[in-house]
């Protein structure tokens, strides 16, 4: 997690990046990133200990983020495969003509999976048992895009 925070902070891609990227000369390590990581980990641990519903939402949110990142990567490869004049660069291992089929099947599967990840864990849930990961993910993406356009 330290590298996940330090690399974007070094490139001025996070809020408070000047504070996060600071490396104290005596230590030669980004101590502020270590402190921020400790704070975030402690906060997440307290949330998980406090409520199993929050744990389920955080887990679903993490898996939804991974699935969406896979969707974006596979879509970009498929677009490159279809629209580039020479296709993809030759690799040591390639799927050949089956690559398009595999990419389309993977996109369909991951699209369906991303929809199911937004469903609640039990049928007919009460208001407190609803899965709010879809709303949280949309808010996070909106915040990230807004921060990208502003910064």
Protein backbone atom coordinates (compact mmCIF):
# COMPACT_ATOMS: atom_id res chain seq x y z
CA UNK A 1 0.00 0.00 0.00
CA UNK A 2 2.94 2.29 0.56
CA UNK A 3 3.95 2.17 -3.11
CA UNK A 4 0.31 2.65 -4.11
CA UNK A 5 0.26 5.92 -2.19
CA UNK A 6 3.80 7.13 -2.85
CA UNK A 7 3.92 6.76 -6.65
CA UNK A 8 0.80 8.88 -7.39
CA UNK A 9 1.80 11.37 -4.70
CA UNK A 10 5.24 11.74 -6.29
CA UNK A 11 3.50 12.54 -9.60
CA UNK A 12 1.14 15.03 -7.89
CA UNK A 13 -1.86 12.80 -8.53
CA UNK A 14 -3.32 12.70 -5.02
CA UNK A 15 -4.73 15.26 -2.64
CA UNK A 16 -2.03 16.42 -0.20
CA UNK A 17 0.63 14.99 -2.54
CA UNK A 18 3.23 17.53 -1.39
CA UNK A 19 2.90 16.21 2.16
CA UNK A 20 2.80 12.56 1.07
CA UNK A 21 5.79 12.73 -1.27
CA UNK A 22 8.09 14.41 1.26
CA UNK A 23 11.08 12.27 2.14
CA UNK A 24 12.92 13.27 5.26
CA UNK A 25 16.68 13.50 4.61
CA UNK A 26 17.62 11.59 7.74
CA UNK A 27 15.42 8.59 6.98
CA UNK A 28 15.52 8.25 3.16
CA UNK A 29 12.00 6.78 3.27
CA UNK A 30 8.63 8.48 2.76
CA UNK A 31 7.65 8.56 6.45
CA UNK A 32 4.46 10.51 5.76
CA UNK A 33 3.23 7.77 3.43
CA UNK A 34 3.93 5.22 6.17
CA UNK A 35 1.91 7.33 8.60
CA UNK A 36 -0.97 7.71 6.12
CA UNK A 37 -0.94 3.96 5.41
CA UNK A 38 -1.06 3.19 9.12
CA UNK A 39 -3.98 5.58 9.57
CA UNK A 40 -5.94 4.17 6.61
CA UNK A 41 -5.33 0.57 7.68
CA UNK A 42 -6.39 1.32 11.25
CA UNK A 43 -9.51 3.10 10.06
CA UNK A 44 -10.48 0.21 7.78
CA UNK A 45 -9.84 -2.27 10.59
CA UNK A 46 -12.15 -0.36 12.90
CA UNK A 47 -14.87 -0.28 10.24
CA UNK A 48 -14.60 -4.02 9.70
CA UNK A 49 -14.72 -4.73 13.42
CA UNK A 50 -17.74 -2.50 13.85
CA UNK A 51 -20.08 -3.93 11.22
CA UNK A 52 -20.21 -7.02 9.04
CA UNK A 53 -22.36 -5.09 6.57
CA UNK A 54 -19.60 -2.53 6.15
CA UNK A 55 -17.13 -5.36 5.63
CA UNK A 56 -19.33 -6.83 2.89
CA UNK A 57 -19.67 -3.43 1.21
CA UNK A 58 -15.91 -2.79 1.32
CA UNK A 59 -15.19 -6.27 -0.04
CA UNK A 60 -17.75 -5.87 -2.81
CA UNK A 61 -16.35 -2.44 -3.62
CA UNK A 62 -12.82 -3.82 -3.93
CA UNK A 63 -13.89 -6.70 -6.15
CA UNK A 64 -16.02 -4.34 -8.25
CA UNK A 65 -12.98 -2.11 -8.76
CA UNK A 66 -10.87 -5.06 -9.89
CA UNK A 67 -13.57 -6.28 -12.28
CA UNK A 68 -14.01 -2.80 -13.78
CA UNK A 69 -10.24 -2.47 -14.25
CA UNK A 70 -10.21 -5.83 -16.06
CA UNK A 71 -13.10 -4.64 -18.23
CA UNK A 72 -11.21 -1.50 -19.21
CA UNK A 73 -8.00 -3.39 -20.01
CA UNK A 74 -9.72 -6.11 -22.06
CA UNK A 75 -11.82 -3.53 -23.91
CA UNK A 76 -8.69 -1.55 -24.83
CA UNK A 77 -6.95 -4.68 -26.10
CA UNK A 78 -10.02 -5.68 -28.11
CA UNK A 79 -10.30 -2.19 -29.62
CA UNK A 80 -6.61 -2.27 -30.54
CA UNK A 81 -7.03 -5.75 -32.01
CA UNK A 82 -10.00 -4.66 -34.16
CA UNK A 83 -9.00 -1.16 -35.23
CA UNK A 84 -5.21 -1.25 -35.56
CA UNK A 85 -4.07 -1.90 -39.13
CA UNK A 86 -1.63 -4.63 -38.10
CA UNK A 87 -3.39 -5.84 -34.94
CA UNK A 88 -1.42 -6.48 -31.79
CA UNK A 89 2.33 -6.78 -31.65
CA UNK A 90 3.51 -10.37 -32.02
CA UNK A 91 4.07 -11.94 -28.65
CA UNK A 92 5.66 -15.12 -27.46
CA UNK A 93 2.25 -16.48 -26.54
CA UNK A 94 -0.77 -15.39 -28.51
CA UNK A 95 -4.29 -16.64 -29.02
CA UNK A 96 -4.33 -15.92 -32.72
CA UNK A 97 -7.81 -15.63 -34.19
CA UNK A 98 -9.35 -17.01 -31.02
CA UNK A 99 -8.19 -13.88 -29.17
CA UNK A 100 -11.16 -11.83 -30.37
CA UNK A 101 -13.59 -14.52 -29.24
CA UNK A 102 -11.87 -14.86 -25.85
CA UNK A 103 -11.92 -11.07 -25.35
CA UNK A 104 -15.62 -10.82 -26.22
CA UNK A 105 -16.51 -13.71 -23.88
CA UNK A 106 -14.42 -12.12 -21.12
CA UNK A 107 -16.15 -8.76 -21.62
CA UNK A 108 -19.58 -10.41 -21.44
CA UNK A 109 -18.66 -12.39 -18.34
CA UNK A 110 -17.12 -9.43 -16.53
CA UNK A 111 -20.04 -7.17 -17.45
CA UNK A 112 -22.45 -9.68 -15.95
CA UNK A 113 -20.23 -10.11 -12.90
CA UNK A 114 -20.06 -6.36 -12.32
CA UNK A 115 -23.86 -6.18 -12.33
CA UNK A 116 -24.17 -9.07 -9.86
CA UNK A 117 -21.62 -7.49 -7.53
CA UNK A 118 -24.03 -4.60 -7.02
CA UNK A 119 -26.82 -6.89 -5.80
CA UNK A 120 -27.47 -7.35 -2.07
CA UNK A 121 -26.20 -10.53 -0.41
CA UNK A 122 -29.65 -11.83 0.56
CA UNK A 123 -33.02 -11.68 -1.21
CA UNK A 124 -35.54 -9.11 0.04
CA UNK A 125 -33.02 -7.22 2.20
CA UNK A 126 -33.87 -4.63 4.78
CA UNK A 127 -32.59 -1.10 4.27
CA UNK A 128 -29.52 -1.69 6.43
CA UNK A 129 -28.57 -4.84 4.48
CA UNK A 130 -28.59 -3.21 1.04
CA UNK A 131 -25.37 -3.35 -0.96
CA UNK A 132 -24.31 0.22 -1.52
CA UNK A 133 -21.07 -0.60 -3.33
CA UNK A 134 -22.46 0.52 -6.70
CA UNK A 135 -23.32 3.95 -5.32
CA UNK A 136 -19.96 4.21 -3.56
CA UNK A 137 -18.09 3.13 -6.69
CA UNK A 138 -19.97 5.67 -8.81
CA UNK A 139 -19.21 8.39 -6.27
CA UNK A 140 -15.54 7.42 -6.16
CA UNK A 141 -15.25 7.44 -9.95
CA UNK A 142 -17.04 10.81 -10.10
CA UNK A 143 -14.68 12.22 -7.47
CA UNK A 144 -11.63 10.85 -9.29
CA UNK A 145 -12.74 12.25 -12.65
CA UNK A 146 -13.55 15.60 -11.06
CA UNK A 147 -10.18 15.71 -9.36
CA UNK A 148 -8.49 14.77 -12.63
CA UNK A 149 -10.21 17.58 -14.51
CA UNK A 150 -9.56 20.16 -11.80
CA UNK A 151 -5.93 19.27 -11.06
